[in-house]
C-alpha atoms as a PDB file:
ATOM      1  CA  UNK A   1    -212.822 -24.824-134.524  1.00  0.00           C
ATOM      2  CA  UNK A   2    -209.088 -25.320-133.861  1.00  0.00           C
ATOM      3  CA  UNK A   3    -208.111 -28.189-131.549  1.00  0.00           C
ATOM      4  CA  UNK A   4    -206.643 -27.348-128.160  1.00  0.00           C
ATOM      5  CA  UNK A   5    -204.041 -30.117-128.164  1.00  0.00           C
ATOM      6  CA  UNK A   6    -202.218 -31.766-131.009  1.00  0.00           C
ATOM      7  CA  UNK A   7    -199.247 -31.598-133.253  1.00  0.00           C
ATOM      8  CA  UNK A   8    -198.496 -29.486-136.280  1.00  0.00           C
ATOM      9  CA  UNK A   9    -200.270 -32.138-138.350  1.00  0.00           C
ATOM     10  CA  UNK A  10    -203.535 -31.673-136.444  1.00  0.00           C
ATOM     11  CA  UNK A  11    -203.486 -27.903-136.717  1.00  0.00           C
ATOM     12  CA  UNK A  12    -202.606 -28.039-140.396  1.00  0.00           C
ATOM     13  CA  UNK A  13    -205.336 -30.585-141.083  1.00  0.00           C
ATOM     14  CA  UNK A  14    -207.975 -28.384-139.478  1.00  0.00           C
ATOM     15  CA  UNK A  15    -206.802 -25.097-140.955  1.00  0.00           C
ATOM     16  CA  UNK A  16    -205.409 -26.002-144.391  1.00  0.00           C
ATOM     17  CA  UNK A  17    -206.743 -29.397-145.310  1.00  0.00           C
ATOM     18  CA  UNK A  18    -205.658 -32.972-145.745  1.00  0.00           C
ATOM     19  CA  UNK A  19    -203.020 -32.571-148.469  1.00  0.00           C
ATOM     20  CA  UNK A  20    -201.005 -29.890-146.683  1.00  0.00           C
ATOM     21  CA  UNK A  21    -201.340 -31.841-143.430  1.00  0.00           C
ATOM     22  CA  UNK A  22    -200.019 -34.935-145.213  1.00  0.00           C
ATOM     23  CA  UNK A  23    -196.933 -32.973-146.305  1.00  0.00           C
ATOM     24  CA  UNK A  24    -196.445 -31.641-142.769  1.00  0.00           C
ATOM     25  CA  UNK A  25    -196.832 -35.162-141.361  1.00  0.00           C
ATOM     26  CA  UNK A  26    -194.095 -36.550-143.588  1.00  0.00           C
ATOM     27  CA  UNK A  27    -191.949 -33.522-142.826  1.00  0.00           C
ATOM     28  CA  UNK A  28    -192.268 -34.294-139.112  1.00  0.00           C
ATOM     29  CA  UNK A  29    -191.335 -37.942-139.666  1.00  0.00           C
ATOM     30  CA  UNK A  30    -188.228 -36.969-141.635  1.00  0.00           C
ATOM     31  CA  UNK A  31    -187.310 -34.370-139.033  1.00  0.00           C
ATOM     32  CA  UNK A  32    -187.558 -36.880-136.191  1.00  0.00           C
ATOM     33  CA  UNK A  33    -185.517 -39.401-138.165  1.00  0.00           C
ATOM     34  CA  UNK A  34    -182.710 -36.937-138.839  1.00  0.00           C
ATOM     35  CA  UNK A  35    -182.777 -35.658-135.255  1.00  0.00           C
ATOM     36  CA  UNK A  36    -182.579 -39.166-133.816  1.00  0.00           C
ATOM     37  CA  UNK A  37    -179.731 -40.119-136.137  1.00  0.00           C
ATOM     38  CA  UNK A  38    -177.791 -36.978-135.240  1.00  0.00           C
ATOM     39  CA  UNK A  39    -178.206 -37.556-131.519  1.00  0.00           C
ATOM     40  CA  UNK A  40    -177.183 -41.202-131.943  1.00  0.00           C
ATOM     41  CA  UNK A  41    -173.963 -40.201-133.695  1.00  0.00           C
ATOM     42  CA  UNK A  42    -173.159 -37.765-130.896  1.00  0.00           C
ATOM     43  CA  UNK A  43    -173.842 -40.355-128.219  1.00  0.00           C
ATOM     44  CA  UNK A  44    -171.768 -42.843-130.201  1.00  0.00           C
ATOM     45  CA  UNK A  45    -168.704 -40.630-129.931  1.00  0.00           C
ATOM     46  CA  UNK A  46    -169.134 -40.358-126.173  1.00  0.00           C
ATOM     47  CA  UNK A  47    -169.744 -44.097-125.830  1.00  0.00           C
ATOM     48  CA  UNK A  48    -166.673 -45.061-127.848  1.00  0.00           C
ATOM     49  CA  UNK A  49    -164.548 -42.552-125.941  1.00  0.00           C
ATOM     50  CA  UNK A  50    -165.783 -43.903-122.610  1.00  0.00           C
ATOM     51  CA  UNK A  51    -165.198 -47.518-123.612  1.00  0.00           C
ATOM     52  CA  UNK A  52    -161.715 -46.709-124.897  1.00  0.00           C
ATOM     53  CA  UNK A  53    -160.857 -44.995-121.616  1.00  0.00           C
ATOM     54  CA  UNK A  54    -162.312 -47.760-119.446  1.00  0.00           C
ATOM     55  CA  UNK A  55    -160.810 -50.685-121.352  1.00  0.00           C
ATOM     56  CA  UNK A  56    -157.617 -48.879-122.462  1.00  0.00           C
ATOM     57  CA  UNK A  57    -158.060 -49.954-126.045  1.00  0.00           C
ATOM     58  CA  UNK A  58    -158.704 -48.420-129.435  1.00  0.00           C
ATOM     59  CA  UNK A  59    -161.719 -49.525-131.417  1.00  0.00           C
ATOM     60  CA  UNK A  60    -161.482 -49.872-135.166  1.00  0.00           C
ATOM     61  CA  UNK A  61    -162.767 -46.825-136.988  1.00  0.00           C
ATOM     62  CA  UNK A  62    -164.299 -49.140-139.600  1.00  0.00           C
ATOM     63  CA  UNK A  63    -167.270 -49.668-137.284  1.00  0.00           C
ATOM     64  CA  UNK A  64    -167.222 -46.493-135.190  1.00  0.00           C
ATOM     65  CA  UNK A  65    -167.232 -43.725-137.782  1.00  0.00           C
ATOM     66  CA  UNK A  66    -169.248 -42.755-140.826  1.00  0.00           C
ATOM     67  CA  UNK A  67    -168.325 -44.028-144.300  1.00  0.00           C
ATOM     68  CA  UNK A  68    -168.671 -40.533-145.751  1.00  0.00           C
ATOM     69  CA  UNK A  69    -167.632 -37.324-144.004  1.00  0.00           C
ATOM     70  CA  UNK A  70    -167.860 -33.659-144.888  1.00  0.00           C
ATOM     71  CA  UNK A  71    -164.573 -31.786-144.878  1.00  0.00           C
ATOM     72  CA  UNK A  72    -165.241 -28.281-143.596  1.00  0.00           C
ATOM     73  CA  UNK A  73    -162.030 -26.860-145.051  1.00  0.00           C
ATOM     74  CA  UNK A  74    -162.476 -28.071-148.619  1.00  0.00           C
ATOM     75  CA  UNK A  75    -166.295 -28.147-148.502  1.00  0.00           C
ATOM     76  CA  UNK A  76    -166.334 -31.600-150.063  1.00  0.00           C
ATOM     77  CA  UNK A  77    -167.590 -35.009-149.072  1.00  0.00           C
ATOM     78  CA  UNK A  78    -164.861 -37.596-148.561  1.00  0.00           C
ATOM     79  CA  UNK A  79    -165.137 -41.384-148.576  1.00  0.00           C
ATOM     80  CA  UNK A  80    -163.381 -42.701-145.465  1.00  0.00           C
ATOM     81  CA  UNK A  81    -163.388 -46.429-146.171  1.00  0.00           C
ATOM     82  CA  UNK A  82    -165.323 -47.137-142.979  1.00  0.00           C
ATOM     83  CA  UNK A  83    -168.382 -49.384-143.059  1.00  0.00           C
ATOM     84  CA  UNK A  84    -170.858 -47.770-140.669  1.00  0.00           C
ATOM     85  CA  UNK A  85    -171.129 -46.369-137.158  1.00  0.00           C
ATOM     86  CA  UNK A  86    -172.150 -49.464-135.190  1.00  0.00           C
ATOM     87  CA  UNK A  87    -172.556 -47.760-131.788  1.00  0.00           C
ATOM     88  CA  UNK A  88    -174.845 -45.143-133.354  1.00  0.00           C
ATOM     89  CA  UNK A  89    -176.966 -47.846-134.967  1.00  0.00           C
ATOM     90  CA  UNK A  90    -177.235 -49.752-131.673  1.00  0.00           C
ATOM     91  CA  UNK A  91    -178.162 -46.584-129.771  1.00  0.00           C
ATOM     92  CA  UNK A  92    -180.715 -45.619-132.422  1.00  0.00           C
ATOM     93  CA  UNK A  93    -182.333 -49.071-132.392  1.00  0.00           C
ATOM     94  CA  UNK A  94    -182.316 -49.236-128.588  1.00  0.00           C
ATOM     95  CA  UNK A  95    -184.115 -45.919-128.289  1.00  0.00           C
ATOM     96  CA  UNK A  96    -186.544 -46.937-131.035  1.00  0.00           C
ATOM     97  CA  UNK A  97    -187.414 -50.213-129.295  1.00  0.00           C
ATOM     98  CA  UNK A  98    -187.725 -48.421-125.974  1.00  0.00           C
ATOM     99  CA  UNK A  99    -190.173 -45.922-127.448  1.00  0.00           C
ATOM    100  CA  UNK A 100    -192.186 -48.641-129.184  1.00  0.00           C
ATOM    101  CA  UNK A 101    -193.336 -49.947-125.820  1.00  0.00           C
ATOM    102  CA  UNK A 102    -195.014 -46.717-124.827  1.00  0.00           C
ATOM    103  CA  UNK A 103    -194.194 -43.783-122.636  1.00  0.00           C
ATOM    104  CA  UNK A 104    -193.850 -45.636-119.317  1.00  0.00           C
ATOM    105  CA  UNK A 105    -190.578 -47.307-120.322  1.00  0.00           C
ATOM    106  CA  UNK A 106    -188.816 -44.106-121.377  1.00  0.00           C
ATOM    107  CA  UNK A 107    -190.202 -42.340-118.307  1.00  0.00           C
ATOM    108  CA  UNK A 108    -188.602 -44.979-116.077  1.00  0.00           C
ATOM    109  CA  UNK A 109    -185.323 -44.761-117.973  1.00  0.00           C
ATOM    110  CA  UNK A 110    -185.437 -40.984-117.642  1.00  0.00           C
ATOM    111  CA  UNK A 111    -186.091 -41.239-113.896  1.00  0.00           C
ATOM    112  CA  UNK A 112    -183.134 -43.597-113.459  1.00  0.00           C
ATOM    113  CA  UNK A 113    -180.927 -41.285-115.533  1.00  0.00           C
ATOM    114  CA  UNK A 114    -181.915 -38.312-113.368  1.00  0.00           C
ATOM    115  CA  UNK A 115    -181.089 -40.222-110.182  1.00  0.00           C
ATOM    116  CA  UNK A 116    -177.704 -41.221-111.619  1.00  0.00           C
ATOM    117  CA  UNK A 117    -176.977 -37.625-112.645  1.00  0.00           C
ATOM    118  CA  UNK A 118    -177.863 -36.332-109.182  1.00  0.00           C
ATOM    119  CA  UNK A 119    -175.658 -38.983-107.572  1.00  0.00           C
ATOM    120  CA  UNK A 120    -172.726 -38.155-109.855  1.00  0.00           C
ATOM    121  CA  UNK A 121    -173.117 -34.431-109.180  1.00  0.00           C
ATOM    122  CA  UNK A 122    -173.228 -34.973-105.426  1.00  0.00           C
ATOM    123  CA  UNK A 123    -170.272 -37.357-105.577  1.00  0.00           C
ATOM    124  CA  UNK A 124    -168.093 -34.982-107.588  1.00  0.00           C
ATOM    125  CA  UNK A 125    -169.087 -32.077-105.340  1.00  0.00           C
ATOM    126  CA  UNK A 126    -168.073 -34.079-102.271  1.00  0.00           C
ATOM    127  CA  UNK A 127    -164.756 -34.997-103.884  1.00  0.00           C
ATOM    128  CA  UNK A 128    -164.041 -31.365-104.678  1.00  0.00           C
ATOM    129  CA  UNK A 129    -164.884 -30.324-101.129  1.00  0.00           C
ATOM    130  CA  UNK A 130    -162.624 -33.019 -99.682  1.00  0.00           C
ATOM    131  CA  UNK A 131    -159.815 -32.077-102.058  1.00  0.00           C
ATOM    132  CA  UNK A 132    -159.633 -28.531-100.682  1.00  0.00           C
END
């Protein structure tokens, strides 16, 4: 009998056994870790750009960029001399702590974010209408 609800781990456990499910479980953990880190780096770029625009300053790249980058032209990894991406780490840890407290916290944050997005969309639409 296959479960109605569950993750890939649950389905694999029922259909293929514990060992394969264990591999799938660790695969999911690694996937979520890489996904969260990638999203954090993307948000970090936006955050740094916003803060630089708001405060009219330039932040040091030593704490806002990765210590190793991939050069797409030469197809090589390059050491940049930077330490680590501090905004990405802060964003990653903030989201992690938020999710540790259950689903109600992120649901509230999501609801607030949706309200802000709607307000910004309405505001920019009104500005465009008034500009014409």
